[in-house]
């Protein structure tokens, strides 16, 4: 049975759509993950490397570790993994948006799933809102991510509005409460993919490596589709 304190944490996340946990990963582990991340970025020559859990046993181990599992229900699976590596040279802003697409193995025309796209050779699709509502994202910070270095910004509780049309996003941002999720190495940001989020171009650009893991309930996906983590 869950304790009352843990229940309050779950209820707060469901209400607000995000939570920051400080000092989850120790400094030795962060150093190792930085080295691994740099190798992956150098190999692929990209600032955004998809499917990193399938390319590194150490990153897969982190995604499945007790350190991160403590923030998830027991019946959730890793369904997508991405390494973001912003540098002074790769310093792009991200406009307000929701994470509406999931990565799957192969395209199938199914009711409620669409539109489809392909990213780095992997099929992506927007699933029904119910799938996204059950998903959880954990972002592990490998570098200091202050407001001046492009920290993620979120609109508190915007996840409760479900999937939004792009035309409705500006009004939702205007009427919502913006929160800057400043983090240091080892911190973990837990968020709903449906929460509105963005990041500014860094004013004092430096390395900003983040491991982005998405999890979903084991039975949430249509039975004719398979996750591509």
C-alpha atoms as a PDB file:
ATOM      1  CA  UNK A   1       0.000   0.000   0.000  1.00  0.00           C
ATOM      2  CA  UNK A   2       1.327   3.452  -0.923  1.00  0.00           C
ATOM      3  CA  UNK A   3       2.106   5.843   1.913  1.00  0.00           C
ATOM      4  CA  UNK A   4       0.108   9.060   2.262  1.00  0.00           C
ATOM      5  CA  UNK A   5       3.219  11.111   1.422  1.00  0.00           C
ATOM      6  CA  UNK A   6       3.806   9.179  -1.818  1.00  0.00           C
ATOM      7  CA  UNK A   7       0.128   9.468  -2.736  1.00  0.00           C
ATOM      8  CA  UNK A   8       0.377  13.237  -2.318  1.00  0.00           C
ATOM      9  CA  UNK A   9       3.380  13.307  -4.710  1.00  0.00           C
ATOM     10  CA  UNK A  10       1.396  11.338  -7.320  1.00  0.00           C
ATOM     11  CA  UNK A  11      -1.640  13.585  -6.920  1.00  0.00           C
ATOM     12  CA  UNK A  12       0.522  16.716  -7.256  1.00  0.00           C
ATOM     13  CA  UNK A  13       2.083  15.415 -10.480  1.00  0.00           C
ATOM     14  CA  UNK A  14      -1.301  14.521 -11.964  1.00  0.00           C
ATOM     15  CA  UNK A  15      -2.614  17.976 -11.080  1.00  0.00           C
ATOM     16  CA  UNK A  16       0.363  20.088 -12.152  1.00  0.00           C
ATOM     17  CA  UNK A  17       1.838  17.913 -14.902  1.00  0.00           C
ATOM     18  CA  UNK A  18       5.467  18.100 -13.753  1.00  0.00           C
ATOM     19  CA  UNK A  19       7.793  17.599 -10.796  1.00  0.00           C
ATOM     20  CA  UNK A  20      11.541  18.158 -10.281  1.00  0.00           C
ATOM     21  CA  UNK A  21      13.495  15.673  -8.154  1.00  0.00           C
ATOM     22  CA  UNK A  22      16.883  16.910  -6.943  1.00  0.00           C
ATOM     23  CA  UNK A  23      20.111  14.888  -6.806  1.00  0.00           C
ATOM     24  CA  UNK A  24      18.703  11.579  -8.037  1.00  0.00           C
ATOM     25  CA  UNK A  25      21.817  10.436  -9.949  1.00  0.00           C
ATOM     26  CA  UNK A  26      25.243  10.683  -8.289  1.00  0.00           C
ATOM     27  CA  UNK A  27      28.176  12.570  -9.778  1.00  0.00           C
ATOM     28  CA  UNK A  28      30.202   9.461 -10.699  1.00  0.00           C
ATOM     29  CA  UNK A  29      27.294   8.094 -12.725  1.00  0.00           C
ATOM     30  CA  UNK A  30      26.756  11.471 -14.378  1.00  0.00           C
ATOM     31  CA  UNK A  31      30.435  11.561 -15.447  1.00  0.00           C
ATOM     32  CA  UNK A  32      30.080   8.127 -17.075  1.00  0.00           C
ATOM     33  CA  UNK A  33      26.876   9.127 -18.853  1.00  0.00           C
ATOM     34  CA  UNK A  34      28.524  12.272 -20.219  1.00  0.00           C
ATOM     35  CA  UNK A  35      31.301  10.207 -21.793  1.00  0.00           C
ATOM     36  CA  UNK A  36      28.813   7.741 -23.308  1.00  0.00           C
ATOM     37  CA  UNK A  37      26.639  10.577 -24.587  1.00  0.00           C
ATOM     38  CA  UNK A  38      29.593  12.289 -26.243  1.00  0.00           C
ATOM     39  CA  UNK A  39      30.522   9.066 -28.054  1.00  0.00           C
ATOM     40  CA  UNK A  40      26.954   8.683 -29.382  1.00  0.00           C
ATOM     41  CA  UNK A  41      26.804  12.295 -30.551  1.00  0.00           C
ATOM     42  CA  UNK A  42      30.195  11.986 -32.266  1.00  0.00           C
ATOM     43  CA  UNK A  43      29.167   8.762 -34.003  1.00  0.00           C
ATOM     44  CA  UNK A  44      25.870  10.138 -35.317  1.00  0.00           C
ATOM     45  CA  UNK A  45      27.002  13.742 -35.774  1.00  0.00           C
ATOM     46  CA  UNK A  46      23.660  14.987 -34.433  1.00  0.00           C
ATOM     47  CA  UNK A  47      22.582  17.109 -31.479  1.00  0.00           C
ATOM     48  CA  UNK A  48      19.500  14.888 -31.118  1.00  0.00           C
ATOM     49  CA  UNK A  49      20.153  11.145 -30.995  1.00  0.00           C
ATOM     50  CA  UNK A  50      17.059   8.928 -30.968  1.00  0.00           C
ATOM     51  CA  UNK A  51      16.787   5.390 -29.641  1.00  0.00           C
ATOM     52  CA  UNK A  52      19.761   5.763 -27.308  1.00  0.00           C
ATOM     53  CA  UNK A  53      18.587   2.973 -24.974  1.00  0.00           C
ATOM     54  CA  UNK A  54      19.066   0.523 -27.848  1.00  0.00           C
ATOM     55  CA  UNK A  55      22.558   1.917 -28.547  1.00  0.00           C
ATOM     56  CA  UNK A  56      23.982   1.870 -25.025  1.00  0.00           C
ATOM     57  CA  UNK A  57      23.546  -0.769 -22.329  1.00  0.00           C
ATOM     58  CA  UNK A  58      24.515   1.827 -19.721  1.00  0.00           C
ATOM     59  CA  UNK A  59      21.752   4.208 -20.831  1.00  0.00           C
ATOM     60  CA  UNK A  60      19.248   1.348 -20.958  1.00  0.00           C
ATOM     61  CA  UNK A  61      20.343   0.393 -17.455  1.00  0.00           C
ATOM     62  CA  UNK A  62      19.710   3.937 -16.258  1.00  0.00           C
ATOM     63  CA  UNK A  63      16.260   4.018 -17.872  1.00  0.00           C
ATOM     64  CA  UNK A  64      15.336   0.763 -16.118  1.00  0.00           C
ATOM     65  CA  UNK A  65      17.106   1.534 -12.822  1.00  0.00           C
ATOM     66  CA  UNK A  66      15.453   1.737  -9.427  1.00  0.00           C
ATOM     67  CA  UNK A  67      16.621   5.360  -9.265  1.00  0.00           C
ATOM     68  CA  UNK A  68      14.146   6.229 -12.036  1.00  0.00           C
ATOM     69  CA  UNK A  69      11.625   3.424 -11.499  1.00  0.00           C
ATOM     70  CA  UNK A  70      10.752   4.911  -8.119  1.00  0.00           C
ATOM     71  CA  UNK A  71       8.945   7.708  -9.978  1.00  0.00           C
ATOM     72  CA  UNK A  72       6.859   5.318 -12.116  1.00  0.00           C
ATOM     73  CA  UNK A  73       4.049   2.813 -11.634  1.00  0.00           C
ATOM     74  CA  UNK A  74       5.283  -0.787 -11.660  1.00  0.00           C
ATOM     75  CA  UNK A  75       3.472  -1.706 -14.887  1.00  0.00           C
ATOM     76  CA  UNK A  76       5.062   1.014 -17.054  1.00  0.00           C
ATOM     77  CA  UNK A  77       7.452   0.268 -19.925  1.00  0.00           C
ATOM     78  CA  UNK A  78      10.226   2.338 -21.504  1.00  0.00           C
ATOM     79  CA  UNK A  79       8.838   3.335 -24.924  1.00  0.00           C
ATOM     80  CA  UNK A  80      11.195   6.036 -26.246  1.00  0.00           C
ATOM     81  CA  UNK A  81      14.683   7.345 -25.447  1.00  0.00           C
ATOM     82  CA  UNK A  82      16.393  10.450 -26.811  1.00  0.00           C
ATOM     83  CA  UNK A  83      19.663  12.260 -26.090  1.00  0.00           C
ATOM     84  CA  UNK A  84      19.553  16.039 -26.510  1.00  0.00           C
ATOM     85  CA  UNK A  85      22.938  17.734 -26.697  1.00  0.00           C
ATOM     86  CA  UNK A  86      22.681  21.495 -27.025  1.00  0.00           C
ATOM     87  CA  UNK A  87      26.022  23.275 -27.356  1.00  0.00           C
ATOM     88  CA  UNK A  88      27.063  26.908 -27.938  1.00  0.00           C
ATOM     89  CA  UNK A  89      27.065  26.036 -31.657  1.00  0.00           C
ATOM     90  CA  UNK A  90      23.760  24.096 -31.511  1.00  0.00           C
ATOM     91  CA  UNK A  91      21.756  26.630 -29.510  1.00  0.00           C
ATOM     92  CA  UNK A  92      18.211  26.566 -30.798  1.00  0.00           C
ATOM     93  CA  UNK A  93      14.995  27.797 -29.134  1.00  0.00           C
ATOM     94  CA  UNK A  94      11.982  25.471 -28.839  1.00  0.00           C
ATOM     95  CA  UNK A  95       8.516  26.989 -29.182  1.00  0.00           C
ATOM     96  CA  UNK A  96       5.601  26.104 -26.925  1.00  0.00           C
ATOM     97  CA  UNK A  97       4.279  22.640 -27.753  1.00  0.00           C
ATOM     98  CA  UNK A  98       3.079  19.286 -26.451  1.00  0.00           C
ATOM     99  CA  UNK A  99       4.828  15.966 -27.178  1.00  0.00           C
ATOM    100  CA  UNK A 100       2.068  14.386 -29.246  1.00  0.00           C
ATOM    101  CA  UNK A 101       3.946  11.726 -31.250  1.00  0.00           C
ATOM    102  CA  UNK A 102       5.111   8.270 -30.206  1.00  0.00           C
ATOM    103  CA  UNK A 103       7.691   5.981 -31.874  1.00  0.00           C
ATOM    104  CA  UNK A 104       6.423   2.629 -33.174  1.00  0.00           C
ATOM    105  CA  UNK A 105       7.649  -0.287 -35.300  1.00  0.00           C
ATOM    106  CA  UNK A 106       5.908   0.099 -38.641  1.00  0.00           C
ATOM    107  CA  UNK A 107       2.904   2.006 -39.908  1.00  0.00           C
ATOM    108  CA  UNK A 108      -0.674   0.725 -39.712  1.00  0.00           C
ATOM    109  CA  UNK A 109      -3.813   2.670 -40.535  1.00  0.00           C
ATOM    110  CA  UNK A 110      -5.809   2.504 -37.305  1.00  0.00           C
ATOM    111  CA  UNK A 111      -8.709   4.552 -36.047  1.00  0.00           C
ATOM    112  CA  UNK A 112      -7.575   7.355 -33.753  1.00  0.00           C
ATOM    113  CA  UNK A 113      -3.910   7.099 -34.790  1.00  0.00           C
ATOM    114  CA  UNK A 114      -2.545   9.834 -37.048  1.00  0.00           C
ATOM    115  CA  UNK A 115      -1.054  11.791 -38.632  1.00  0.00           C
ATOM    116  CA  UNK A 116       2.026   9.664 -39.327  1.00  0.00           C
ATOM    117  CA  UNK A 117       5.612  10.776 -39.895  1.00  0.00           C
ATOM    118  CA  UNK A 118       9.109   9.308 -40.099  1.00  0.00           C
ATOM    119  CA  UNK A 119      12.012  10.539 -37.930  1.00  0.00           C
ATOM    120  CA  UNK A 120      15.476   9.050 -38.401  1.00  0.00           C
ATOM    121  CA  UNK A 121      13.920   6.086 -40.181  1.00  0.00           C
ATOM    122  CA  UNK A 122      11.430   5.307 -37.397  1.00  0.00           C
ATOM    123  CA  UNK A 123       7.657   5.586 -37.785  1.00  0.00           C
ATOM    124  CA  UNK A 124       6.003   8.136 -35.512  1.00  0.00           C
ATOM    125  CA  UNK A 125       2.305   8.717 -34.987  1.00  0.00           C
ATOM    126  CA  UNK A 126      -0.017  10.795 -32.848  1.00  0.00           C
ATOM    127  CA  UNK A 127      -2.046   8.328 -30.745  1.00  0.00           C
ATOM    128  CA  UNK A 128      -5.416   8.964 -29.069  1.00  0.00           C
ATOM    129  CA  UNK A 129      -5.330  11.371 -26.158  1.00  0.00           C
ATOM    130  CA  UNK A 130      -5.928   8.537 -23.674  1.00  0.00           C
ATOM    131  CA  UNK A 131      -2.551   7.000 -24.554  1.00  0.00           C
ATOM    132  CA  UNK A 132      -0.704  10.277 -23.991  1.00  0.00           C
ATOM    133  CA  UNK A 133      -2.568  10.961 -20.759  1.00  0.00           C
ATOM    134  CA  UNK A 134      -1.128   7.771 -19.277  1.00  0.00           C
ATOM    135  CA  UNK A 135       2.452   8.425 -20.367  1.00  0.00           C
ATOM    136  CA  UNK A 136       5.263   9.807 -18.223  1.00  0.00           C
ATOM    137  CA  UNK A 137       8.520  11.455 -19.310  1.00  0.00           C
ATOM    138  CA  UNK A 138      11.666  11.491 -17.159  1.00  0.00           C
ATOM    139  CA  UNK A 139      14.474  13.852 -18.171  1.00  0.00           C
ATOM    140  CA  UNK A 140      17.883  13.215 -16.587  1.00  0.00           C
ATOM    141  CA  UNK A 141      20.121  16.299 -16.618  1.00  0.00           C
ATOM    142  CA  UNK A 142      23.817  15.762 -17.271  1.00  0.00           C
ATOM    143  CA  UNK A 143      24.784  19.472 -17.227  1.00  0.00           C
ATOM    144  CA  UNK A 144      23.681  22.619 -15.369  1.00  0.00           C
ATOM    145  CA  UNK A 145      20.479  23.866 -16.966  1.00  0.00           C
ATOM    146  CA  UNK A 146      19.717  27.270 -15.489  1.00  0.00           C
ATOM    147  CA  UNK A 147      17.222  29.776 -16.866  1.00  0.00           C
ATOM    148  CA  UNK A 148      20.093  31.552 -18.653  1.00  0.00           C
ATOM    149  CA  UNK A 149      21.129  28.248 -20.268  1.00  0.00           C
ATOM    150  CA  UNK A 150      17.795  27.341 -21.829  1.00  0.00           C
ATOM    151  CA  UNK A 151      16.066  25.535 -18.968  1.00  0.00           C
ATOM    152  CA  UNK A 152      12.757  23.924 -19.869  1.00  0.00           C
ATOM    153  CA  UNK A 153       9.718  26.100 -19.212  1.00  0.00           C
ATOM    154  CA  UNK A 154       6.285  24.602 -18.592  1.00  0.00           C
ATOM    155  CA  UNK A 155       2.739  25.884 -18.194  1.00  0.00           C
ATOM    156  CA  UNK A 156       1.509  24.511 -14.911  1.00  0.00           C
ATOM    157  CA  UNK A 157      -1.468  22.087 -15.209  1.00  0.00           C
ATOM    158  CA  UNK A 158      -1.794  22.576 -18.982  1.00  0.00           C
ATOM    159  CA  UNK A 159      -1.693  18.773 -19.348  1.00  0.00           C
ATOM    160  CA  UNK A 160      -5.245  18.676 -17.953  1.00  0.00           C
ATOM    161  CA  UNK A 161      -6.538  20.210 -21.192  1.00  0.00           C
ATOM    162  CA  UNK A 162      -5.635  17.104 -23.234  1.00  0.00           C
ATOM    163  CA  UNK A 163      -4.405  17.359 -26.824  1.00  0.00           C
ATOM    164  CA  UNK A 164      -4.567  20.951 -28.074  1.00  0.00           C
ATOM    165  CA  UNK A 165      -4.887  22.295 -31.579  1.00  0.00           C
ATOM    166  CA  UNK A 166      -1.796  24.350 -32.520  1.00  0.00           C
ATOM    167  CA  UNK A 167      -4.034  27.400 -32.919  1.00  0.00           C
ATOM    168  CA  UNK A 168      -5.122  27.172 -29.267  1.00  0.00           C
ATOM    169  CA  UNK A 169      -1.612  26.985 -27.795  1.00  0.00           C
ATOM    170  CA  UNK A 170      -0.835  30.758 -27.669  1.00  0.00           C
ATOM    171  CA  UNK A 171      -4.004  31.479 -25.679  1.00  0.00           C
ATOM    172  CA  UNK A 172      -3.275  28.613 -23.277  1.00  0.00           C
ATOM    173  CA  UNK A 173       0.231  29.982 -22.687  1.00  0.00           C
ATOM    174  CA  UNK A 174      -1.121  33.504 -22.176  1.00  0.00           C
ATOM    175  CA  UNK A 175      -3.637  32.501 -19.529  1.00  0.00           C
ATOM    176  CA  UNK A 176      -1.434  29.888 -17.833  1.00  0.00           C
ATOM    177  CA  UNK A 177       1.276  30.043 -15.176  1.00  0.00           C
ATOM    178  CA  UNK A 178       4.803  29.617 -16.538  1.00  0.00           C
ATOM    179  CA  UNK A 179       7.372  27.750 -14.434  1.00  0.00           C
ATOM    180  CA  UNK A 180      11.100  27.515 -15.209  1.00  0.00           C
ATOM    181  CA  UNK A 181      12.463  24.041 -14.418  1.00  0.00           C
ATOM    182  CA  UNK A 182      16.071  24.931 -13.617  1.00  0.00           C
ATOM    183  CA  UNK A 183      18.153  21.825 -12.883  1.00  0.00           C
ATOM    184  CA  UNK A 184      21.695  20.785 -12.019  1.00  0.00           C
ATOM    185  CA  UNK A 185      23.490  17.555 -12.993  1.00  0.00           C
ATOM    186  CA  UNK A 186      21.746  14.552 -11.450  1.00  0.00           C
ATOM    187  CA  UNK A 187      18.322  16.190 -11.218  1.00  0.00           C
ATOM    188  CA  UNK A 188      15.327  14.501 -12.835  1.00  0.00           C
ATOM    189  CA  UNK A 189      12.361  16.322 -14.327  1.00  0.00           C
ATOM    190  CA  UNK A 190       9.169  14.258 -14.462  1.00  0.00           C
ATOM    191  CA  UNK A 191       6.523  15.573 -16.845  1.00  0.00           C
ATOM    192  CA  UNK A 192       3.420  14.659 -18.775  1.00  0.00           C
ATOM    193  CA  UNK A 193       3.915  14.704 -22.564  1.00  0.00           C
ATOM    194  CA  UNK A 194       0.723  16.787 -22.693  1.00  0.00           C
ATOM    195  CA  UNK A 195       2.084  19.663 -20.623  1.00  0.00           C
ATOM    196  CA  UNK A 196       2.932  22.725 -22.703  1.00  0.00           C
ATOM    197  CA  UNK A 197       6.684  23.239 -22.661  1.00  0.00           C
ATOM    198  CA  UNK A 198       9.334  25.319 -24.399  1.00  0.00           C
ATOM    199  CA  UNK A 199      12.906  26.537 -24.006  1.00  0.00           C
ATOM    200  CA  UNK A 200      14.639  29.764 -24.937  1.00  0.00           C
ATOM    201  CA  UNK A 201      17.912  30.123 -26.772  1.00  0.00           C
ATOM    202  CA  UNK A 202      20.679  30.181 -24.173  1.00  0.00           C
ATOM    203  CA  UNK A 203      21.885  33.611 -23.093  1.00  0.00           C
ATOM    204  CA  UNK A 204      25.075  32.043 -21.687  1.00  0.00           C
ATOM    205  CA  UNK A 205      25.357  28.934 -23.876  1.00  0.00           C
ATOM    206  CA  UNK A 206      27.248  25.919 -22.606  1.00  0.00           C
ATOM    207  CA  UNK A 207      26.765  22.151 -22.808  1.00  0.00           C
ATOM    208  CA  UNK A 208      23.205  21.081 -22.067  1.00  0.00           C
ATOM    209  CA  UNK A 209      22.988  17.294 -22.308  1.00  0.00           C
ATOM    210  CA  UNK A 210      19.693  15.701 -21.305  1.00  0.00           C
ATOM    211  CA  UNK A 211      18.585  12.061 -21.457  1.00  0.00           C
ATOM    212  CA  UNK A 212      14.885  12.003 -22.259  1.00  0.00           C
ATOM    213  CA  UNK A 213      12.978   8.793 -21.410  1.00  0.00           C
ATOM    214  CA  UNK A 214       9.292   8.176 -22.113  1.00  0.00           C
ATOM    215  CA  UNK A 215       7.271   5.472 -20.368  1.00  0.00           C
ATOM    216  CA  UNK A 216       3.755   4.121 -20.921  1.00  0.00           C
ATOM    217  CA  UNK A 217       1.389   1.602 -19.375  1.00  0.00           C
ATOM    218  CA  UNK A 218       2.088  -1.853 -20.785  1.00  0.00           C
ATOM    219  CA  UNK A 219      -1.423  -2.216 -22.212  1.00  0.00           C
ATOM    220  CA  UNK A 220      -2.020   1.335 -23.460  1.00  0.00           C
ATOM    221  CA  UNK A 221      -0.912   0.893 -27.083  1.00  0.00           C
ATOM    222  CA  UNK A 222      -3.170  -0.543 -29.797  1.00  0.00           C
ATOM    223  CA  UNK A 223      -2.466  -4.317 -29.999  1.00  0.00           C
ATOM    224  CA  UNK A 224      -1.522  -4.073 -33.698  1.00  0.00           C
ATOM    225  CA  UNK A 225       1.328  -1.673 -32.925  1.00  0.00           C
ATOM    226  CA  UNK A 226       4.646  -2.146 -31.143  1.00  0.00           C
ATOM    227  CA  UNK A 227       6.659   0.484 -29.291  1.00  0.00           C
ATOM    228  CA  UNK A 228      10.080   1.416 -30.679  1.00  0.00           C
ATOM    229  CA  UNK A 229      12.156   2.536 -27.710  1.00  0.00           C
END
